[in-house]
């Protein structure tokens, strides 16, 4: 996966040709069928985590100090 192609990866795989994508989709569907409220609570936290990994700001980080400050803010969101 290339970080710069993040938006392309967000497009749904309708034909289910990407195993990781449909496995995760099926996992969330099964979780919702078991406990909709709890699955949706966990899903929001997962989205925060996934969005942080697709943040364009990460492309500009050049040093460890910058990275650690970014992660401190990022982890604080969850």
C-alpha atoms as a PDB file:
ATOM      1  CA  UNK A   1       0.000   0.000   0.000  1.00  0.00           C
ATOM      2  CA  UNK A   2       1.176   3.462  -0.817  1.00  0.00           C
ATOM      3  CA  UNK A   3       0.308   6.175   1.676  1.00  0.00           C
ATOM      4  CA  UNK A   4      -0.205   8.751  -1.076  1.00  0.00           C
ATOM      5  CA  UNK A   5      -2.932   6.588  -2.673  1.00  0.00           C
ATOM      6  CA  UNK A   6      -5.116   6.652   0.457  1.00  0.00           C
ATOM      7  CA  UNK A   7      -8.242   8.011  -1.289  1.00  0.00           C
ATOM      8  CA  UNK A   8      -8.077   5.203  -3.864  1.00  0.00           C
ATOM      9  CA  UNK A   9      -8.103   2.642  -1.076  1.00  0.00           C
ATOM     10  CA  UNK A  10     -11.260   4.188   0.368  1.00  0.00           C
ATOM     11  CA  UNK A  11     -13.277   3.249  -2.724  1.00  0.00           C
ATOM     12  CA  UNK A  12     -15.473   0.205  -2.033  1.00  0.00           C
ATOM     13  CA  UNK A  13     -14.442  -3.083  -3.651  1.00  0.00           C
ATOM     14  CA  UNK A  14     -17.798  -4.150  -5.059  1.00  0.00           C
ATOM     15  CA  UNK A  15     -16.535  -7.370  -6.649  1.00  0.00           C
ATOM     16  CA  UNK A  16     -14.762  -8.413  -3.417  1.00  0.00           C
ATOM     17  CA  UNK A  17     -11.428  -8.883  -5.161  1.00  0.00           C
ATOM     18  CA  UNK A  18      -9.387  -7.615  -2.214  1.00  0.00           C
ATOM     19  CA  UNK A  19      -9.508 -10.275   0.530  1.00  0.00           C
ATOM     20  CA  UNK A  20      -8.488  -7.966   3.373  1.00  0.00           C
ATOM     21  CA  UNK A  21     -11.270  -5.546   2.485  1.00  0.00           C
ATOM     22  CA  UNK A  22     -14.101  -8.047   2.378  1.00  0.00           C
ATOM     23  CA  UNK A  23     -12.837  -9.903   5.449  1.00  0.00           C
ATOM     24  CA  UNK A  24     -12.934  -6.658   7.447  1.00  0.00           C
ATOM     25  CA  UNK A  25     -16.324  -5.758   5.983  1.00  0.00           C
ATOM     26  CA  UNK A  26     -17.705  -9.182   6.952  1.00  0.00           C
ATOM     27  CA  UNK A  27     -16.193  -8.870  10.425  1.00  0.00           C
ATOM     28  CA  UNK A  28     -17.988  -5.566  11.051  1.00  0.00           C
ATOM     29  CA  UNK A  29     -21.247  -6.953   9.673  1.00  0.00           C
ATOM     30  CA  UNK A  30     -21.004  -9.951  12.017  1.00  0.00           C
ATOM     31  CA  UNK A  31     -20.228  -7.696  14.961  1.00  0.00           C
ATOM     32  CA  UNK A  32     -23.262  -5.521  14.147  1.00  0.00           C
ATOM     33  CA  UNK A  33     -25.488  -8.586  13.924  1.00  0.00           C
ATOM     34  CA  UNK A  34     -24.305  -9.705  17.347  1.00  0.00           C
ATOM     35  CA  UNK A  35     -24.438  -6.325  19.167  1.00  0.00           C
ATOM     36  CA  UNK A  36     -25.213  -3.254  17.055  1.00  0.00           C
ATOM     37  CA  UNK A  37     -24.669  -0.674  19.797  1.00  0.00           C
ATOM     38  CA  UNK A  38     -21.313  -2.023  20.945  1.00  0.00           C
ATOM     39  CA  UNK A  39     -20.086  -2.567  17.375  1.00  0.00           C
ATOM     40  CA  UNK A  40     -20.896   1.035  16.494  1.00  0.00           C
ATOM     41  CA  UNK A  41     -19.058   2.315  19.585  1.00  0.00           C
ATOM     42  CA  UNK A  42     -15.944   0.359  18.646  1.00  0.00           C
ATOM     43  CA  UNK A  43     -16.294   1.367  14.998  1.00  0.00           C
ATOM     44  CA  UNK A  44     -15.997   5.069  15.812  1.00  0.00           C
ATOM     45  CA  UNK A  45     -12.715   4.446  17.652  1.00  0.00           C
ATOM     46  CA  UNK A  46     -11.473   2.351  14.738  1.00  0.00           C
ATOM     47  CA  UNK A  47     -12.307   5.183  12.325  1.00  0.00           C
ATOM     48  CA  UNK A  48     -10.360   7.674  14.448  1.00  0.00           C
ATOM     49  CA  UNK A  49      -7.390   5.309  14.302  1.00  0.00           C
ATOM     50  CA  UNK A  50      -7.709   4.745  10.535  1.00  0.00           C
ATOM     51  CA  UNK A  51      -8.117   8.460   9.789  1.00  0.00           C
ATOM     52  CA  UNK A  52      -4.971   9.233  11.767  1.00  0.00           C
ATOM     53  CA  UNK A  53      -3.028   6.861   9.533  1.00  0.00           C
ATOM     54  CA  UNK A  54      -4.309   8.571   6.387  1.00  0.00           C
ATOM     55  CA  UNK A  55      -3.631  12.108   7.656  1.00  0.00           C
ATOM     56  CA  UNK A  56      -1.646  14.085   5.060  1.00  0.00           C
ATOM     57  CA  UNK A  57       0.230  15.789   7.885  1.00  0.00           C
ATOM     58  CA  UNK A  58       2.164  12.539   8.321  1.00  0.00           C
ATOM     59  CA  UNK A  59       3.855  13.151   4.954  1.00  0.00           C
ATOM     60  CA  UNK A  60       5.562  16.285   6.292  1.00  0.00           C
ATOM     61  CA  UNK A  61       7.053  14.730   9.447  1.00  0.00           C
ATOM     62  CA  UNK A  62      10.842  14.665   9.127  1.00  0.00           C
ATOM     63  CA  UNK A  63      12.139  13.910  12.608  1.00  0.00           C
ATOM     64  CA  UNK A  64      11.475  11.760  15.641  1.00  0.00           C
ATOM     65  CA  UNK A  65      10.499  14.718  17.833  1.00  0.00           C
ATOM     66  CA  UNK A  66       7.929  15.867  15.278  1.00  0.00           C
ATOM     67  CA  UNK A  67       6.619  12.327  14.975  1.00  0.00           C
ATOM     68  CA  UNK A  68       6.255  11.900  18.737  1.00  0.00           C
ATOM     69  CA  UNK A  69       4.382  15.213  19.060  1.00  0.00           C
ATOM     70  CA  UNK A  70       2.084  14.153  16.221  1.00  0.00           C
ATOM     71  CA  UNK A  71       1.428  10.767  17.849  1.00  0.00           C
ATOM     72  CA  UNK A  72       0.726  12.387  21.220  1.00  0.00           C
ATOM     73  CA  UNK A  73      -2.037  14.471  19.616  1.00  0.00           C
ATOM     74  CA  UNK A  74      -3.207  11.523  17.525  1.00  0.00           C
ATOM     75  CA  UNK A  75      -3.476   9.092  20.445  1.00  0.00           C
ATOM     76  CA  UNK A  76      -5.228  11.750  22.484  1.00  0.00           C
ATOM     77  CA  UNK A  77      -8.124  11.741  19.996  1.00  0.00           C
ATOM     78  CA  UNK A  78      -9.083   8.155  20.779  1.00  0.00           C
END
